[in-house]
Amino acid sequence: HLYTNTEYFYRVTVYTSKGIDSKIGAFKTADTPRILSIEGLSNVRDIGNWRTDSGKRIKQGLLVRGTEMDGAVETGYHLTNEGLIDMLDVFGIKTDFDLRAKTPTSKDALGSRVEHRYYDMVMYDEIFTKAGKEKVRMVFADLANPNNYPVYLHCTYGCDRTGTVCYLLEALLGVSRGD
């Protein structure tokens, strides 16, 4: 779960019967999108590290996007115990932005330490309807609150509704249309 485009330093110390040997080094991770491996989920990425028109970069570790975690629609997506540890302890997710509608079978897979919000978000050109604009406003009002971060943002597959919100957010932050 290393940040992309980041230099890391390391020290390896070996203790043997002949004494102690220590090596110090460094490496830099690739300047690419940050694809994350969360056990039980798919299509998980950090939206950080994109370069903006002003030359700055979107901060990593604030907004992670991906698939549903509860298997409510896609039975193959179930956050495992190892995935839960990553989400809570490694990424420190504080708020779950679920772009789906809350149903009687919805499960808050991240547990009681995380605030869960359901938006019943629309897709594609439906965001231009009156109801769609209100859903977008609700999501962006919550994205504007720094107390919600780090956030896990998702729908079922992490591409349509999630992709639309991330596209709009990155455009507002100044990421080029091509990126």
Protein backbone atom coordinates (compact mmCIF):
# COMPACT_ATOMS: atom_id res chain seq x y z
CA HIS A 1 0.00 0.00 0.00
CA LEU A 2 2.87 2.39 -0.71
CA TYR A 3 2.09 5.85 -2.07
CA THR A 4 2.95 6.35 -5.72
CA ASN A 5 5.59 8.83 -6.88
CA THR A 6 7.14 8.73 -3.40
CA GLU A 7 10.70 8.08 -2.24
CA TYR A 8 11.11 5.51 0.53
CA PHE A 9 14.21 4.82 2.58
CA TYR A 10 15.10 1.54 4.21
CA ARG A 11 17.69 -0.09 6.42
CA VAL A 12 18.31 -3.81 6.58
CA THR A 13 20.31 -5.09 9.52
CA VAL A 14 21.62 -8.64 9.65
CA TYR A 15 22.83 -10.14 12.92
CA THR A 16 25.17 -13.10 12.48
CA SER A 17 27.75 -14.91 14.57
CA LYS A 18 30.38 -12.77 12.79
CA GLY A 19 28.72 -9.50 13.83
CA ILE A 20 26.24 -6.98 12.54
CA ASP A 21 25.95 -5.88 8.91
CA SER A 22 23.68 -3.00 7.94
CA LYS A 23 22.68 -1.75 4.51
CA ILE A 24 20.85 1.52 3.86
CA GLY A 25 19.10 2.33 0.60
CA ALA A 26 16.24 4.10 -1.08
CA PHE A 27 13.77 3.61 -3.90
CA LYS A 28 11.05 5.67 -5.54
CA THR A 29 7.68 4.21 -6.47
CA ALA A 30 6.33 4.67 -10.00
CA ASP A 31 4.42 7.81 -10.95
CA THR A 32 1.22 5.95 -11.76
CA PRO A 33 -2.32 5.72 -10.44
CA ARG A 34 -2.36 3.97 -7.06
CA ILE A 35 -4.11 0.63 -7.53
CA LEU A 36 -4.84 -0.98 -4.16
CA SER A 37 -5.23 -4.61 -3.21
CA ILE A 38 -7.96 -4.97 -0.60
CA GLU A 39 -8.85 -8.59 0.03
CA GLY A 40 -12.41 -9.37 -1.03
CA LEU A 41 -12.85 -6.22 -3.16
CA SER A 42 -12.11 -5.25 -6.74
CA ASN A 43 -11.35 -2.09 -8.70
CA VAL A 44 -9.94 -0.29 -5.64
CA ARG A 45 -7.88 2.83 -6.28
CA ASP A 46 -6.70 5.95 -4.52
CA ILE A 47 -7.83 9.02 -6.47
CA GLY A 48 -4.72 10.88 -5.33
CA ASN A 49 -1.49 11.65 -7.22
CA TRP A 50 -3.16 13.07 -10.33
CA ARG A 51 -1.45 16.26 -11.51
CA THR A 52 -3.65 19.34 -11.71
CA ASP A 53 -3.52 22.17 -14.25
CA SER A 54 -1.62 24.27 -11.68
CA GLY A 55 1.12 21.61 -11.45
CA LYS A 56 0.11 20.43 -7.98
CA ARG A 57 -0.91 16.87 -7.20
CA ILE A 58 -4.05 15.58 -5.53
CA LYS A 59 -3.12 14.32 -2.08
CA GLN A 60 -3.04 10.56 -1.71
CA GLY A 61 -4.76 8.67 1.09
CA LEU A 62 -7.88 10.83 1.36
CA LEU A 63 -10.34 9.20 -1.02
CA VAL A 64 -10.30 5.54 -1.99
CA ARG A 65 -12.78 4.30 -4.57
CA GLY A 66 -13.91 0.76 -5.31
CA THR A 67 -16.63 -1.86 -5.29
CA GLU A 68 -19.32 -2.73 -2.79
CA MET A 69 -18.09 -4.52 0.31
CA ASP A 70 -21.18 -6.42 1.40
CA GLY A 71 -21.97 -8.68 -1.58
CA ALA A 72 -25.50 -7.25 -1.73
CA VAL A 73 -25.53 -7.19 -5.56
CA GLU A 74 -22.27 -8.84 -6.62
CA THR A 75 -21.87 -11.89 -4.41
CA GLY A 76 -18.15 -12.07 -5.18
CA TYR A 77 -17.43 -8.83 -3.34
CA HIS A 78 -17.16 -9.46 0.40
CA LEU A 79 -14.66 -7.58 2.51
CA THR A 80 -12.55 -10.16 4.34
CA ASN A 81 -11.10 -9.75 7.84
CA GLU A 82 -7.73 -8.88 6.27
CA GLY A 83 -9.43 -6.34 4.01
CA LEU A 84 -11.22 -4.84 7.01
CA ILE A 85 -7.91 -4.40 8.84
CA ASP A 86 -6.48 -2.62 5.78
CA MET A 87 -9.50 -0.32 5.47
CA LEU A 88 -9.61 0.60 9.17
CA ASP A 89 -6.03 0.42 10.37
CA VAL A 90 -3.91 1.01 7.26
CA PHE A 91 -6.09 3.52 5.39
CA GLY A 92 -7.95 4.83 8.44
CA ILE A 93 -11.28 5.07 6.62
CA LYS A 94 -13.63 7.26 8.66
CA THR A 95 -16.63 7.51 6.31
CA ASP A 96 -18.22 5.06 3.86
CA PHE A 97 -19.91 6.92 0.99
CA ASP A 98 -22.19 4.27 -0.52
CA LEU A 99 -23.68 5.65 -3.72
CA ARG A 100 -26.31 2.89 -3.74
CA ALA A 101 -29.67 3.10 -1.98
CA LYS A 102 -29.95 1.64 1.52
CA THR A 103 -32.02 -1.52 1.47
CA PRO A 104 -33.10 -4.00 4.16
CA THR A 105 -30.21 -6.28 3.06
CA SER A 106 -27.57 -3.52 3.12
CA LYS A 107 -24.71 -4.21 5.52
CA ASP A 108 -22.25 -1.70 6.89
CA ALA A 109 -19.19 -3.87 6.20
CA LEU A 110 -16.77 -1.48 7.92
CA GLY A 111 -18.59 -1.70 11.25
CA SER A 112 -19.47 0.84 13.89
CA ARG A 113 -16.10 2.70 13.85
CA VAL A 114 -17.03 4.14 10.45
CA GLU A 115 -19.90 6.47 9.56
CA HIS A 116 -22.02 5.11 6.72
CA ARG A 117 -23.88 7.29 4.24
CA TYR A 118 -26.20 6.13 1.47
CA TYR A 119 -27.00 8.42 -1.47
CA ASP A 120 -29.19 6.50 -3.95
CA MET A 121 -27.05 8.17 -6.65
CA VAL A 122 -28.16 8.29 -10.28
CA MET A 123 -25.93 7.50 -13.26
CA TYR A 124 -24.78 9.11 -16.48
CA ASP A 125 -27.03 11.82 -17.95
CA GLU A 126 -29.53 11.38 -15.09
CA ILE A 127 -27.25 13.64 -13.04
CA PHE A 128 -28.61 16.54 -15.10
CA THR A 129 -32.19 16.03 -13.90
CA LYS A 130 -33.45 17.97 -10.90
CA ALA A 131 -33.30 14.88 -8.68
CA GLY A 132 -29.88 13.96 -10.05
CA LYS A 133 -28.46 17.40 -9.35
CA GLU A 134 -29.67 17.14 -5.76
CA LYS A 135 -27.91 13.77 -5.34
CA VAL A 136 -24.68 15.25 -6.73
CA ARG A 137 -25.05 18.25 -4.40
CA MET A 138 -25.48 15.93 -1.39
CA VAL A 139 -22.36 13.91 -2.24
CA PHE A 140 -20.26 17.03 -2.88
CA ALA A 141 -21.48 18.69 0.32
CA ASP A 142 -20.16 15.67 2.22
CA LEU A 143 -16.94 15.62 0.17
CA ALA A 144 -16.41 19.26 1.16
CA ASN A 145 -16.38 18.38 4.87
CA PRO A 146 -12.79 17.64 5.95
CA ASN A 147 -14.06 15.74 9.02
CA ASN A 148 -15.24 12.90 6.74
CA TYR A 149 -11.75 11.93 5.52
CA PRO A 150 -10.35 9.43 4.72
CA VAL A 151 -13.36 8.26 2.68
CA TYR A 152 -14.21 5.03 0.89
CA LEU A 153 -16.47 5.90 -2.07
CA HIS A 154 -18.27 3.12 -3.90
CA CYS A 155 -21.31 1.78 -5.66
CA THR A 156 -21.70 -1.84 -6.77
CA TYR A 157 -18.85 -2.21 -9.26
CA GLY A 158 -16.97 1.03 -8.56
CA CYS A 159 -17.19 2.31 -12.13
CA ASP A 160 -20.48 3.96 -13.17
CA ARG A 161 -21.80 6.06 -10.28
CA THR A 162 -18.41 6.06 -8.55
CA GLY A 163 -16.65 6.93 -11.81
CA THR A 164 -19.03 9.82 -12.45
CA VAL A 165 -18.46 11.33 -8.99
CA CYS A 166 -14.67 10.88 -9.24
CA TYR A 167 -14.61 12.36 -12.76
CA LEU A 168 -16.49 15.45 -11.57
CA LEU A 169 -14.35 15.79 -8.44
CA GLU A 170 -11.05 15.48 -10.31
CA ALA A 171 -12.27 17.96 -12.94
CA LEU A 172 -13.10 20.46 -10.18
CA LEU A 173 -9.64 19.90 -8.68
CA GLY A 174 -8.04 20.72 -12.05
CA VAL A 175 -7.09 17.31 -13.47
CA SER A 176 -6.96 17.47 -17.27
CA ARG A 177 -9.82 15.96 -19.24
CA GLY A 178 -7.41 13.54 -20.90
CA ASP A 179 -6.21 12.17 -17.56
